[in-house]
Amino acid sequence: MASLTANGVRDNQRQKVYDWENKKIQPMLKKDLTLEECRKLITEVFASYGLEPPEVKDGRGRRSACWERPYTIKLPTFARKPVPVLHECAHGIVDRYYKVRGEAPHGTTFLRIYLNLLAKFGKLPLRTLRSSAAEAHLNVAPASTCLPPPAALVRRMWELQRAERAAYSIWQNTKKELDAIRAQLARSKA
């Protein structure tokens, strides 16, 4: 069932998103987090978009986690898991970085950002996330409409360059070891 938001926009995907999360995503990311671990994850997520982290409040007494303007995430004890934390981060990033107005809170932009966060910080395969979202009949914005910020691209380039250097180092060591084995085999034949 769709609900109307404060700005009068119908949130048609809301329940479908929650159902998809509970059925497909929660089982893959069950880990419980402390409030401090939640703060750390939220800080990393917002930093990846070049944003200051929001205030993170305890949220006890609430029935669910929430992103609240001006800049707060409230997390009841039961919602201190990667999925609800990344869900609320996606709301915050849509609001603070992409500044989307007039779109449903669980609209296509939210879903694109949320999938990206689940892939990057939840370490889930993006292809699997996209196909399960499609199976759940969720509408997701095209990647081209939600490009990561340039700072995130630079950081990703650094990550890939570090990985490339590590791979090259492994290749060099493997080559040396193979050469040594070949030389030893050649000597043993002689």
Protein backbone atom coordinates (compact mmCIF):
# COMPACT_ATOMS: atom_id res chain seq x y z
CA MET A 1 0.00 0.00 0.00
CA ALA A 2 1.35 3.42 -0.93
CA SER A 3 1.54 6.18 1.63
CA LEU A 4 1.54 9.93 1.14
CA THR A 5 4.61 11.80 2.32
CA ALA A 6 4.64 15.20 3.99
CA ASN A 7 5.14 16.85 0.59
CA GLY A 8 2.14 14.99 -0.86
CA VAL A 9 4.12 12.55 -3.01
CA ARG A 10 2.84 8.99 -3.06
CA ASP A 11 5.54 6.56 -1.87
CA ASN A 12 4.49 3.64 -4.09
CA GLN A 13 7.59 1.49 -3.49
CA ARG A 14 7.79 1.85 0.30
CA GLN A 15 6.30 -1.50 1.29
CA LYS A 16 7.93 -3.31 -1.64
CA VAL A 17 11.34 -1.98 -0.51
CA TYR A 18 10.76 -3.17 3.08
CA ASP A 19 9.56 -6.58 1.88
CA TRP A 20 12.57 -6.93 -0.44
CA GLU A 21 14.95 -5.94 2.36
CA ASN A 22 13.45 -8.43 4.79
CA LYS A 23 13.29 -11.31 2.32
CA LYS A 24 16.45 -10.86 0.23
CA ILE A 25 18.91 -8.46 1.88
CA GLN A 26 18.63 -8.91 5.66
CA PRO A 27 19.54 -12.62 5.48
CA MET A 28 22.84 -11.70 3.77
CA LEU A 29 23.82 -8.98 6.30
CA LYS A 30 22.64 -10.11 9.73
CA LYS A 31 25.50 -8.77 11.86
CA ASP A 32 24.50 -6.79 14.95
CA LEU A 33 26.35 -3.50 15.43
CA THR A 34 26.94 -1.34 18.46
CA LEU A 35 25.86 2.28 18.27
CA GLU A 36 29.55 3.22 17.94
CA GLU A 37 30.01 0.77 15.02
CA CYS A 38 26.91 2.30 13.40
CA ARG A 39 28.44 5.77 13.77
CA LYS A 40 31.68 4.55 12.20
CA LEU A 41 29.85 2.99 9.22
CA ILE A 42 27.71 6.13 8.76
CA THR A 43 30.83 8.30 8.88
CA GLU A 44 32.51 6.15 6.18
CA VAL A 45 29.42 6.24 3.96
CA PHE A 46 28.97 10.01 4.16
CA ALA A 47 32.73 10.61 3.77
CA SER A 48 32.62 8.63 0.51
CA TYR A 49 30.30 11.37 -0.79
CA GLY A 50 32.41 14.16 0.68
CA LEU A 51 29.77 14.90 3.33
CA GLU A 52 30.05 15.43 7.07
CA PRO A 53 28.35 12.60 8.93
CA PRO A 54 24.94 13.30 10.44
CA GLU A 55 24.27 13.19 14.15
CA VAL A 56 23.50 9.60 15.17
CA LYS A 57 21.03 9.27 18.03
CA ASP A 58 20.05 6.28 20.12
CA GLY A 59 16.45 6.13 18.88
CA ARG A 60 15.16 3.98 21.74
CA GLY A 61 11.42 4.21 22.00
CA ARG A 62 11.02 4.45 18.21
CA ARG A 63 9.37 1.68 16.20
CA SER A 64 11.87 2.03 13.34
CA ALA A 65 15.11 3.66 12.27
CA CYS A 66 14.79 7.01 10.53
CA TRP A 67 16.58 9.79 8.64
CA GLU A 68 15.39 13.08 10.01
CA ARG A 69 16.04 16.59 8.80
CA PRO A 70 18.00 18.65 9.37
CA TYR A 71 20.76 16.01 9.71
CA THR A 72 20.08 13.11 12.07
CA ILE A 73 19.81 9.33 11.94
CA LYS A 74 17.95 7.67 14.81
CA LEU A 75 18.67 3.99 15.46
CA PRO A 76 16.69 1.93 17.96
CA THR A 77 18.61 -1.06 19.33
CA PHE A 78 16.92 -3.59 17.00
CA ALA A 79 17.83 -1.49 13.93
CA ARG A 80 21.58 -1.50 14.56
CA LYS A 81 22.42 -3.73 11.64
CA PRO A 82 24.06 -2.91 8.30
CA VAL A 83 20.81 -3.00 6.29
CA PRO A 84 18.82 -0.40 8.29
CA VAL A 85 21.94 1.75 8.72
CA LEU A 86 22.67 1.77 4.96
CA HIS A 87 18.96 2.31 4.22
CA GLU A 88 18.94 5.48 6.36
CA CYS A 89 22.27 6.58 4.88
CA ALA A 90 20.73 6.29 1.40
CA HIS A 91 17.91 8.62 2.50
CA GLY A 92 20.48 11.07 3.83
CA ILE A 93 22.64 11.00 0.71
CA VAL A 94 19.63 11.48 -1.58
CA ASP A 95 18.63 14.44 0.60
CA ARG A 96 22.05 16.00 1.23
CA TYR A 97 24.14 15.17 -1.85
CA TYR A 98 21.68 14.72 -4.71
CA LYS A 99 19.15 17.16 -3.17
CA VAL A 100 16.26 15.30 -4.77
CA ARG A 101 12.95 17.01 -4.08
CA GLY A 102 9.50 15.98 -5.23
CA GLU A 103 10.38 12.29 -5.51
CA ALA A 104 9.02 9.63 -3.18
CA PRO A 105 11.32 8.76 -0.25
CA HIS A 106 11.71 5.21 -1.58
CA GLY A 107 11.78 6.31 -5.20
CA THR A 108 14.14 5.42 -8.01
CA THR A 109 17.01 7.68 -6.88
CA PHE A 110 16.86 6.30 -3.34
CA LEU A 111 16.96 2.74 -4.70
CA ARG A 112 19.98 3.41 -6.94
CA ILE A 113 21.94 4.94 -4.05
CA TYR A 114 20.84 2.18 -1.67
CA LEU A 115 21.97 -0.56 -4.07
CA ASN A 116 25.32 1.20 -4.48
CA LEU A 117 25.77 1.42 -0.68
CA LEU A 118 24.82 -2.23 -0.16
CA ALA A 119 27.38 -3.20 -2.80
CA LYS A 120 30.18 -0.99 -1.53
CA PHE A 121 29.74 -1.15 2.25
CA GLY A 122 27.77 -4.38 2.57
CA LYS A 123 30.12 -6.06 0.08
CA LEU A 124 27.20 -7.60 -1.82
CA PRO A 125 27.43 -8.14 -5.59
CA LEU A 126 25.73 -5.24 -7.39
CA ARG A 127 24.52 -7.52 -10.18
CA THR A 128 22.76 -9.76 -7.63
CA LEU A 129 21.22 -6.73 -5.93
CA ARG A 130 19.96 -5.32 -9.24
CA SER A 131 18.42 -8.61 -10.33
CA SER A 132 16.73 -9.22 -6.97
CA ALA A 133 15.36 -5.65 -7.00
CA ALA A 134 14.00 -6.27 -10.51
CA GLU A 135 12.42 -9.54 -9.37
CA ALA A 136 10.73 -7.58 -6.56
CA HIS A 137 9.39 -5.14 -9.20
CA LEU A 138 11.33 -2.22 -7.73
CA ASN A 139 12.08 0.72 -10.00
CA VAL A 140 15.71 1.83 -9.87
CA ALA A 141 17.14 5.00 -11.41
CA PRO A 142 19.74 4.48 -14.16
CA ALA A 143 23.30 4.59 -12.87
CA SER A 144 23.99 7.58 -15.12
CA THR A 145 21.55 9.74 -13.13
CA CYS A 146 23.28 9.04 -9.81
CA LEU A 147 26.95 9.32 -10.63
CA PRO A 148 29.25 9.12 -7.64
CA PRO A 149 30.92 12.36 -6.66
CA PRO A 150 34.35 13.13 -8.13
CA ALA A 151 36.00 12.65 -4.71
CA ALA A 152 34.59 9.14 -4.57
CA LEU A 153 35.93 8.45 -8.05
CA VAL A 154 39.37 9.65 -7.00
CA ARG A 155 39.30 7.47 -3.88
CA ARG A 156 38.19 4.48 -5.97
CA MET A 157 41.04 5.13 -8.40
CA TRP A 158 43.48 5.10 -5.46
CA GLU A 159 41.98 1.83 -4.20
CA LEU A 160 42.37 0.25 -7.64
CA GLN A 161 45.93 1.54 -8.01
CA ARG A 162 46.84 0.02 -4.62
CA ALA A 163 45.26 -3.26 -5.70
CA GLU A 164 47.15 -3.08 -9.00
CA ARG A 165 50.47 -2.56 -7.18
CA ALA A 166 49.72 -5.45 -4.83
CA ALA A 167 48.81 -7.70 -7.79
CA TYR A 168 52.01 -6.68 -9.62
CA SER A 169 54.07 -7.47 -6.52
CA ILE A 170 52.43 -10.90 -6.27
CA TRP A 171 53.07 -11.48 -9.98
CA GLN A 172 56.76 -10.54 -9.57
CA ASN A 173 57.19 -12.89 -6.61
CA THR A 174 55.39 -15.70 -8.44
CA LYS A 175 57.58 -15.18 -11.51
CA LYS A 176 60.77 -15.34 -9.38
CA GLU A 177 59.58 -18.52 -7.70
CA LEU A 178 58.65 -20.12 -11.04
CA ASP A 179 62.05 -19.17 -12.51
CA ALA A 180 63.78 -20.72 -9.47
CA ILE A 181 61.75 -23.94 -9.84
CA ARG A 182 62.50 -24.11 -13.58
CA ALA A 183 66.22 -23.64 -12.89
CA GLN A 184 66.14 -26.33 -10.22
CA LEU A 185 64.33 -28.73 -12.58
CA ALA A 186 66.86 -27.99 -15.36
CA ARG A 187 69.73 -28.77 -12.96
CA SER A 188 68.09 -31.99 -11.82
CA LYS A 189 67.76 -33.19 -15.46
CA ALA A 190 71.42 -32.58 -16.11
